[in-house]
Amino acid sequence: MNEANTLQDHLAELRRRLITCVITFCISFGLAYASSDFLISFLFLPVKESLPEGSTMVFTALTEGFMAHLKVAFWAAVVVTTPFLVYQIWRFLLPALYKNEKRSLRKLILIGGFLFVFGAVFGYWIILPVILSLSLGYASTNLQALPRLQNYLVFTLKAIFLFGLIFEMPFVMAGAARVGLVHGDYFKKHRKAAYIVLFIVAAILVPSDIFSQLLIFLPFVIIYEIGVFLSSGFINT
């Protein structure tokens, strides 16, 4: 009976925390939609620098402008709500963890969050301008660049999210070593193969410019080395 009551208490607490997250998301979405003009203008900054003179963003469907504002508001609400969701999960799991597990999980969450934000900022300020400059550089007197509003916003949001995930690589490497999927020295021993794979990824992202490839590749190497360091035992301390 006590176990049943305890389970019900845990489920009630989980439901309360999830409802709080949903409410937070709805409030964030409303605020983001109210300021969606500013958010879209902010997302336009990289393309403004790359658009040829006389070119501008366009939309070709009647509802495209409205849908663009909704999508930007949705993703902004996701970004705002995610840290709060992680915090709620952390608080829910806290009573069941040992002291060393609490310390390790707290460290992993902080490192993972920092790396995701850093990756997203890096993708927005460094990678997007390079990709857009190369892509829109094909415009000429016979080929006018008129990028669509929704396509650009979707591409930009995906790129920011993608680089946030890429910068989670140290987090994943450390986690794999932590749970015993690989040995702590595995990534150090396979460093050369990893560098080749990372450079191939950089070449796929920016296929036509070796300087831009190196610009992307070098940060990849840095975050990989951070993963090597963490997986070698830093998390376990």
C-alpha atoms as a PDB file:
ATOM      1  CA  MET A   1       0.000   0.000   0.000  1.00  0.00           C
ATOM      2  CA  ASN A   2       2.826   2.349   0.851  1.00  0.00           C
ATOM      3  CA  GLU A   3       4.588   1.496  -2.410  1.00  0.00           C
ATOM      4  CA  ALA A   4       1.378   2.199  -4.338  1.00  0.00           C
ATOM      5  CA  ASN A   5       0.990   5.533  -2.584  1.00  0.00           C
ATOM      6  CA  THR A   6       4.625   6.367  -3.282  1.00  0.00           C
ATOM      7  CA  LEU A   7       4.202   5.536  -6.983  1.00  0.00           C
ATOM      8  CA  GLN A   8       1.079   7.685  -7.151  1.00  0.00           C
ATOM      9  CA  ASP A   9       2.950  10.526  -5.470  1.00  0.00           C
ATOM     10  CA  HIS A  10       5.769  10.248  -8.013  1.00  0.00           C
ATOM     11  CA  LEU A  11       3.312  10.202 -10.930  1.00  0.00           C
ATOM     12  CA  ALA A  12       1.461  13.196  -9.501  1.00  0.00           C
ATOM     13  CA  GLU A  13       4.733  15.105  -9.134  1.00  0.00           C
ATOM     14  CA  LEU A  14       5.780  14.183 -12.700  1.00  0.00           C
ATOM     15  CA  ARG A  15       2.412  15.318 -14.054  1.00  0.00           C
ATOM     16  CA  ARG A  16       2.667  18.592 -12.138  1.00  0.00           C
ATOM     17  CA  ARG A  17       6.132  19.274 -13.531  1.00  0.00           C
ATOM     18  CA  LEU A  18       5.065  18.423 -17.094  1.00  0.00           C
ATOM     19  CA  ILE A  19       2.024  20.704 -16.823  1.00  0.00           C
ATOM     20  CA  THR A  20       4.322  23.470 -15.598  1.00  0.00           C
ATOM     21  CA  CYS A  21       6.537  22.918 -18.662  1.00  0.00           C
ATOM     22  CA  VAL A  22       3.520  23.067 -20.998  1.00  0.00           C
ATOM     23  CA  ILE A  23       2.346  26.317 -19.390  1.00  0.00           C
ATOM     24  CA  THR A  24       5.859  27.745 -19.686  1.00  0.00           C
ATOM     25  CA  PHE A  25       5.944  26.787 -23.374  1.00  0.00           C
ATOM     26  CA  CYS A  26       2.560  28.426 -24.054  1.00  0.00           C
ATOM     27  CA  ILE A  27       3.590  31.650 -22.322  1.00  0.00           C
ATOM     28  CA  SER A  28       6.936  31.642 -24.158  1.00  0.00           C
ATOM     29  CA  PHE A  29       5.171  31.042 -27.477  1.00  0.00           C
ATOM     30  CA  GLY A  30       2.804  33.968 -26.879  1.00  0.00           C
ATOM     31  CA  LEU A  31       5.648  36.316 -25.967  1.00  0.00           C
ATOM     32  CA  ALA A  32       7.758  35.095 -28.898  1.00  0.00           C
ATOM     33  CA  TYR A  33       4.891  35.599 -31.352  1.00  0.00           C
ATOM     34  CA  ALA A  34       4.327  39.117 -30.019  1.00  0.00           C
ATOM     35  CA  SER A  35       8.006  39.870 -30.720  1.00  0.00           C
ATOM     36  CA  SER A  36       8.278  37.737 -33.885  1.00  0.00           C
ATOM     37  CA  ASP A  37       9.011  40.782 -36.067  1.00  0.00           C
ATOM     38  CA  PHE A  38      12.145  41.441 -34.034  1.00  0.00           C
ATOM     39  CA  LEU A  39      13.130  37.749 -34.075  1.00  0.00           C
ATOM     40  CA  ILE A  40      12.738  37.532 -37.852  1.00  0.00           C
ATOM     41  CA  SER A  41      14.763  40.710 -38.303  1.00  0.00           C
ATOM     42  CA  PHE A  42      17.478  39.163 -36.146  1.00  0.00           C
ATOM     43  CA  LEU A  43      17.467  35.986 -38.251  1.00  0.00           C
ATOM     44  CA  PHE A  44      17.726  38.134 -41.387  1.00  0.00           C
ATOM     45  CA  LEU A  45      21.077  39.626 -40.353  1.00  0.00           C
ATOM     46  CA  PRO A  46      23.276  36.952 -42.012  1.00  0.00           C
ATOM     47  CA  VAL A  47      21.424  37.045 -45.336  1.00  0.00           C
ATOM     48  CA  LYS A  48      21.339  40.852 -45.507  1.00  0.00           C
ATOM     49  CA  GLU A  49      25.122  40.893 -45.700  1.00  0.00           C
ATOM     50  CA  SER A  50      25.144  38.297 -48.496  1.00  0.00           C
ATOM     51  CA  LEU A  51      22.253  39.414 -50.724  1.00  0.00           C
ATOM     52  CA  PRO A  52      23.363  41.040 -53.989  1.00  0.00           C
ATOM     53  CA  GLU A  53      22.416  44.682 -54.429  1.00  0.00           C
ATOM     54  CA  GLY A  54      18.805  45.012 -55.546  1.00  0.00           C
ATOM     55  CA  SER A  55      17.784  41.586 -54.226  1.00  0.00           C
ATOM     56  CA  THR A  56      15.403  41.045 -51.340  1.00  0.00           C
ATOM     57  CA  MET A  57      13.492  38.312 -49.521  1.00  0.00           C
ATOM     58  CA  VAL A  58      10.125  37.325 -51.027  1.00  0.00           C
ATOM     59  CA  PHE A  59       7.156  35.127 -50.151  1.00  0.00           C
ATOM     60  CA  THR A  60       4.967  33.518 -52.790  1.00  0.00           C
ATOM     61  CA  ALA A  61       2.056  32.043 -50.819  1.00  0.00           C
ATOM     62  CA  LEU A  62      -0.695  34.052 -49.135  1.00  0.00           C
ATOM     63  CA  THR A  63      -0.145  32.405 -45.747  1.00  0.00           C
ATOM     64  CA  GLU A  64       3.640  32.188 -45.945  1.00  0.00           C
ATOM     65  CA  GLY A  65       4.295  35.369 -43.964  1.00  0.00           C
ATOM     66  CA  PHE A  66       1.933  34.270 -41.188  1.00  0.00           C
ATOM     67  CA  MET A  67       3.371  30.744 -41.075  1.00  0.00           C
ATOM     68  CA  ALA A  68       6.898  32.151 -40.926  1.00  0.00           C
ATOM     69  CA  HIS A  69       5.995  34.139 -37.806  1.00  0.00           C
ATOM     70  CA  LEU A  70       4.402  31.042 -36.243  1.00  0.00           C
ATOM     71  CA  LYS A  71       7.464  28.864 -36.921  1.00  0.00           C
ATOM     72  CA  VAL A  72       9.876  31.427 -35.523  1.00  0.00           C
ATOM     73  CA  ALA A  73       7.706  31.838 -32.416  1.00  0.00           C
ATOM     74  CA  PHE A  74       7.479  28.054 -31.996  1.00  0.00           C
ATOM     75  CA  TRP A  75      11.241  27.491 -32.176  1.00  0.00           C
ATOM     76  CA  ALA A  76      11.924  30.448 -29.912  1.00  0.00           C
ATOM     77  CA  ALA A  77       9.517  28.938 -27.366  1.00  0.00           C
ATOM     78  CA  VAL A  78      11.307  25.577 -27.681  1.00  0.00           C
ATOM     79  CA  VAL A  79      14.666  27.246 -27.006  1.00  0.00           C
ATOM     80  CA  VAL A  80      13.304  29.068 -23.954  1.00  0.00           C
ATOM     81  CA  THR A  81      11.429  26.062 -22.559  1.00  0.00           C
ATOM     82  CA  THR A  82      14.126  23.393 -23.027  1.00  0.00           C
ATOM     83  CA  PRO A  83      16.398  24.551 -20.150  1.00  0.00           C
ATOM     84  CA  PHE A  84      13.342  24.762 -17.906  1.00  0.00           C
ATOM     85  CA  LEU A  85      12.297  21.236 -18.961  1.00  0.00           C
ATOM     86  CA  VAL A  86      15.785  19.886 -18.227  1.00  0.00           C
ATOM     87  CA  TYR A  87      15.654  21.576 -14.814  1.00  0.00           C
ATOM     88  CA  GLN A  88      12.279  19.991 -14.031  1.00  0.00           C
ATOM     89  CA  ILE A  89      13.573  16.544 -15.001  1.00  0.00           C
ATOM     90  CA  TRP A  90      16.641  17.136 -12.864  1.00  0.00           C
ATOM     91  CA  ARG A  91      14.494  18.082  -9.859  1.00  0.00           C
ATOM     92  CA  PHE A  92      12.287  15.042 -10.377  1.00  0.00           C
ATOM     93  CA  LEU A  93      15.253  12.632 -10.471  1.00  0.00           C
ATOM     94  CA  LEU A  94      17.198  14.322  -7.676  1.00  0.00           C
ATOM     95  CA  PRO A  95      15.781  12.339  -4.702  1.00  0.00           C
ATOM     96  CA  ALA A  96      16.662   9.004  -6.368  1.00  0.00           C
ATOM     97  CA  LEU A  97      20.322   9.843  -7.047  1.00  0.00           C
ATOM     98  CA  TYR A  98      23.394   9.304  -4.922  1.00  0.00           C
ATOM     99  CA  LYS A  99      25.612  12.249  -4.115  1.00  0.00           C
ATOM    100  CA  ASN A 100      28.256  11.371  -6.716  1.00  0.00           C
ATOM    101  CA  GLU A 101      25.534  10.757  -9.337  1.00  0.00           C
ATOM    102  CA  LYS A 102      24.006  14.169  -8.602  1.00  0.00           C
ATOM    103  CA  ARG A 103      27.403  15.805  -9.056  1.00  0.00           C
ATOM    104  CA  SER A 104      28.117  13.970 -12.312  1.00  0.00           C
ATOM    105  CA  LEU A 105      24.650  14.626 -13.768  1.00  0.00           C
ATOM    106  CA  ARG A 106      24.815  18.300 -12.831  1.00  0.00           C
ATOM    107  CA  LYS A 107      28.191  18.567 -14.532  1.00  0.00           C
ATOM    108  CA  LEU A 108      26.937  16.816 -17.669  1.00  0.00           C
ATOM    109  CA  ILE A 109      23.854  19.043 -17.906  1.00  0.00           C
ATOM    110  CA  LEU A 110      25.862  22.245 -17.524  1.00  0.00           C
ATOM    111  CA  ILE A 111      28.490  21.171 -20.043  1.00  0.00           C
ATOM    112  CA  GLY A 112      25.879  19.908 -22.513  1.00  0.00           C
ATOM    113  CA  GLY A 113      23.845  23.122 -22.264  1.00  0.00           C
ATOM    114  CA  PHE A 114      26.889  25.326 -22.721  1.00  0.00           C
ATOM    115  CA  LEU A 115      28.091  23.366 -25.736  1.00  0.00           C
ATOM    116  CA  PHE A 116      24.678  23.485 -27.418  1.00  0.00           C
ATOM    117  CA  VAL A 117      24.397  27.263 -26.978  1.00  0.00           C
ATOM    118  CA  PHE A 118      27.976  27.788 -28.136  1.00  0.00           C
ATOM    119  CA  GLY A 119      27.374  25.600 -31.201  1.00  0.00           C
ATOM    120  CA  ALA A 120      24.163  27.432 -32.085  1.00  0.00           C
ATOM    121  CA  VAL A 121      25.883  30.834 -31.784  1.00  0.00           C
ATOM    122  CA  PHE A 122      28.855  29.592 -33.800  1.00  0.00           C
ATOM    123  CA  GLY A 123      26.551  28.293 -36.543  1.00  0.00           C
ATOM    124  CA  TYR A 124      24.635  31.571 -36.674  1.00  0.00           C
ATOM    125  CA  TRP A 125      27.521  34.062 -36.597  1.00  0.00           C
ATOM    126  CA  ILE A 126      30.265  32.119 -38.392  1.00  0.00           C
ATOM    127  CA  ILE A 127      28.909  29.307 -40.560  1.00  0.00           C
ATOM    128  CA  LEU A 128      25.676  30.800 -41.917  1.00  0.00           C
ATOM    129  CA  PRO A 129      27.312  33.943 -43.378  1.00  0.00           C
ATOM    130  CA  VAL A 130      29.903  31.758 -45.144  1.00  0.00           C
ATOM    131  CA  ILE A 131      27.305  29.383 -46.608  1.00  0.00           C
ATOM    132  CA  LEU A 132      24.993  32.220 -47.647  1.00  0.00           C
ATOM    133  CA  SER A 133      27.822  34.209 -49.217  1.00  0.00           C
ATOM    134  CA  LEU A 134      28.856  31.199 -51.308  1.00  0.00           C
ATOM    135  CA  SER A 135      25.283  30.262 -52.259  1.00  0.00           C
ATOM    136  CA  LEU A 136      24.152  33.767 -53.207  1.00  0.00           C
ATOM    137  CA  GLY A 137      27.454  34.495 -54.913  1.00  0.00           C
ATOM    138  CA  TYR A 138      26.136  32.712 -58.020  1.00  0.00           C
ATOM    139  CA  ALA A 139      23.744  35.605 -58.688  1.00  0.00           C
ATOM    140  CA  SER A 140      24.543  37.530 -61.863  1.00  0.00           C
ATOM    141  CA  THR A 141      22.903  39.717 -64.475  1.00  0.00           C
ATOM    142  CA  ASN A 142      21.298  36.579 -65.906  1.00  0.00           C
ATOM    143  CA  LEU A 143      20.454  34.964 -62.561  1.00  0.00           C
ATOM    144  CA  GLN A 144      18.722  37.020 -59.879  1.00  0.00           C
ATOM    145  CA  ALA A 145      18.715  35.918 -56.247  1.00  0.00           C
ATOM    146  CA  LEU A 146      15.225  36.061 -54.679  1.00  0.00           C
ATOM    147  CA  PRO A 147      15.306  33.737 -51.656  1.00  0.00           C
ATOM    148  CA  ARG A 148      11.908  32.748 -50.247  1.00  0.00           C
ATOM    149  CA  LEU A 149      11.086  33.888 -46.734  1.00  0.00           C
ATOM    150  CA  GLN A 150       9.921  30.528 -45.375  1.00  0.00           C
ATOM    151  CA  ASN A 151      12.702  28.519 -47.041  1.00  0.00           C
ATOM    152  CA  TYR A 152      15.333  30.829 -45.606  1.00  0.00           C
ATOM    153  CA  LEU A 153      13.896  30.774 -42.085  1.00  0.00           C
ATOM    154  CA  VAL A 154      13.555  26.982 -42.077  1.00  0.00           C
ATOM    155  CA  PHE A 155      17.119  26.609 -43.396  1.00  0.00           C
ATOM    156  CA  THR A 156      18.479  29.062 -40.814  1.00  0.00           C
ATOM    157  CA  LEU A 157      16.681  27.455 -37.872  1.00  0.00           C
ATOM    158  CA  LYS A 158      17.789  23.970 -38.972  1.00  0.00           C
ATOM    159  CA  ALA A 159      21.395  25.140 -39.352  1.00  0.00           C
ATOM    160  CA  ILE A 160      21.421  26.720 -35.881  1.00  0.00           C
ATOM    161  CA  PHE A 161      19.906  23.580 -34.357  1.00  0.00           C
ATOM    162  CA  LEU A 162      22.282  21.312 -36.312  1.00  0.00           C
ATOM    163  CA  PHE A 163      25.406  23.088 -35.104  1.00  0.00           C
ATOM    164  CA  GLY A 164      24.047  23.075 -31.585  1.00  0.00           C
ATOM    165  CA  LEU A 165      23.793  19.285 -31.862  1.00  0.00           C
ATOM    166  CA  ILE A 166      27.241  18.954 -33.447  1.00  0.00           C
ATOM    167  CA  PHE A 167      28.763  20.789 -30.512  1.00  0.00           C
ATOM    168  CA  GLU A 168      27.133  18.221 -28.220  1.00  0.00           C
ATOM    169  CA  MET A 169      29.740  15.725 -29.444  1.00  0.00           C
ATOM    170  CA  PRO A 170      31.890  15.994 -26.254  1.00  0.00           C
ATOM    171  CA  PHE A 171      28.764  15.404 -24.178  1.00  0.00           C
ATOM    172  CA  VAL A 172      27.958  12.217 -26.138  1.00  0.00           C
ATOM    173  CA  MET A 173      31.571  11.004 -26.038  1.00  0.00           C
ATOM    174  CA  ALA A 174      31.801  11.517 -22.279  1.00  0.00           C
ATOM    175  CA  GLY A 175      28.446   9.811 -21.758  1.00  0.00           C
ATOM    176  CA  ALA A 176      29.487   6.798 -23.842  1.00  0.00           C
ATOM    177  CA  ALA A 177      32.655   6.415 -21.780  1.00  0.00           C
ATOM    178  CA  ARG A 178      30.776   7.005 -18.553  1.00  0.00           C
ATOM    179  CA  VAL A 179      28.256   4.168 -19.072  1.00  0.00           C
ATOM    180  CA  GLY A 180      30.917   1.796 -20.412  1.00  0.00           C
ATOM    181  CA  LEU A 181      29.956   1.672 -24.096  1.00  0.00           C
ATOM    182  CA  VAL A 182      33.556   2.504 -25.008  1.00  0.00           C
ATOM    183  CA  HIS A 183      36.822   2.633 -23.106  1.00  0.00           C
ATOM    184  CA  GLY A 184      37.976   6.022 -21.876  1.00  0.00           C
ATOM    185  CA  ASP A 185      40.933   6.006 -24.303  1.00  0.00           C
ATOM    186  CA  TYR A 186      38.885   4.887 -27.326  1.00  0.00           C
ATOM    187  CA  PHE A 187      38.470   8.347 -28.827  1.00  0.00           C
ATOM    188  CA  LYS A 188      42.096   9.232 -28.213  1.00  0.00           C
ATOM    189  CA  LYS A 189      43.269   6.106 -30.072  1.00  0.00           C
ATOM    190  CA  HIS A 190      40.943   6.823 -33.035  1.00  0.00           C
ATOM    191  CA  ARG A 191      41.756  10.539 -33.263  1.00  0.00           C
ATOM    192  CA  LYS A 192      43.144  10.405 -36.832  1.00  0.00           C
ATOM    193  CA  ALA A 193      40.090   8.614 -38.227  1.00  0.00           C
ATOM    194  CA  ALA A 194      37.833  11.085 -36.424  1.00  0.00           C
ATOM    195  CA  TYR A 195      39.706  14.042 -37.952  1.00  0.00           C
ATOM    196  CA  ILE A 196      39.174  12.607 -41.429  1.00  0.00           C
ATOM    197  CA  VAL A 197      35.447  12.192 -40.782  1.00  0.00           C
ATOM    198  CA  LEU A 198      35.171  15.726 -39.384  1.00  0.00           C
ATOM    199  CA  PHE A 199      36.933  17.216 -42.392  1.00  0.00           C
ATOM    200  CA  ILE A 200      34.601  15.293 -44.723  1.00  0.00           C
ATOM    201  CA  VAL A 201      31.645  16.779 -42.827  1.00  0.00           C
ATOM    202  CA  ALA A 202      33.140  20.268 -43.235  1.00  0.00           C
ATOM    203  CA  ALA A 203      33.682  19.629 -46.957  1.00  0.00           C
ATOM    204  CA  ILE A 204      30.060  18.516 -47.358  1.00  0.00           C
ATOM    205  CA  LEU A 205      28.781  21.629 -45.580  1.00  0.00           C
ATOM    206  CA  VAL A 206      30.920  23.988 -47.688  1.00  0.00           C
ATOM    207  CA  PRO A 207      32.026  22.027 -50.770  1.00  0.00           C
ATOM    208  CA  SER A 208      33.617  24.785 -52.854  1.00  0.00           C
ATOM    209  CA  ASP A 209      36.020  26.702 -50.597  1.00  0.00           C
ATOM    210  CA  ILE A 210      38.989  25.169 -48.766  1.00  0.00           C
ATOM    211  CA  PHE A 211      39.348  28.229 -46.496  1.00  0.00           C
ATOM    212  CA  SER A 212      35.739  27.929 -45.352  1.00  0.00           C
ATOM    213  CA  GLN A 213      36.206  24.189 -44.856  1.00  0.00           C
ATOM    214  CA  LEU A 214      39.146  24.861 -42.546  1.00  0.00           C
ATOM    215  CA  LEU A 215      37.117  27.546 -40.769  1.00  0.00           C
ATOM    216  CA  ILE A 216      34.538  24.885 -39.921  1.00  0.00           C
ATOM    217  CA  PHE A 217      36.997  22.024 -39.406  1.00  0.00           C
ATOM    218  CA  LEU A 218      39.149  23.704 -36.736  1.00  0.00           C
ATOM    219  CA  PRO A 219      36.272  24.241 -34.248  1.00  0.00           C
ATOM    220  CA  PHE A 220      35.226  20.641 -34.906  1.00  0.00           C
ATOM    221  CA  VAL A 221      38.713  19.528 -33.865  1.00  0.00           C
ATOM    222  CA  ILE A 222      38.536  21.624 -30.702  1.00  0.00           C
ATOM    223  CA  ILE A 223      35.199  20.179 -29.589  1.00  0.00           C
ATOM    224  CA  TYR A 224      36.425  16.673 -30.414  1.00  0.00           C
ATOM    225  CA  GLU A 225      39.465  17.215 -28.209  1.00  0.00           C
ATOM    226  CA  ILE A 226      37.169  18.457 -25.445  1.00  0.00           C
ATOM    227  CA  GLY A 227      35.278  15.174 -25.826  1.00  0.00           C
ATOM    228  CA  VAL A 228      38.562  13.226 -25.624  1.00  0.00           C
ATOM    229  CA  PHE A 229      39.464  15.075 -22.428  1.00  0.00           C
ATOM    230  CA  LEU A 230      36.055  14.497 -20.821  1.00  0.00           C
ATOM    231  CA  SER A 231      35.824  10.848 -21.822  1.00  0.00           C
ATOM    232  CA  SER A 232      39.298  10.188 -20.398  1.00  0.00           C
ATOM    233  CA  GLY A 233      38.065  10.655 -16.849  1.00  0.00           C
ATOM    234  CA  PHE A 234      37.215  14.299 -16.157  1.00  0.00           C
ATOM    235  CA  ILE A 235      33.505  13.481 -15.712  1.00  0.00           C
ATOM    236  CA  ASN A 236      34.306  10.726 -13.265  1.00  0.00           C
ATOM    237  CA  THR A 237      36.156  12.974 -10.863  1.00  0.00           C
END
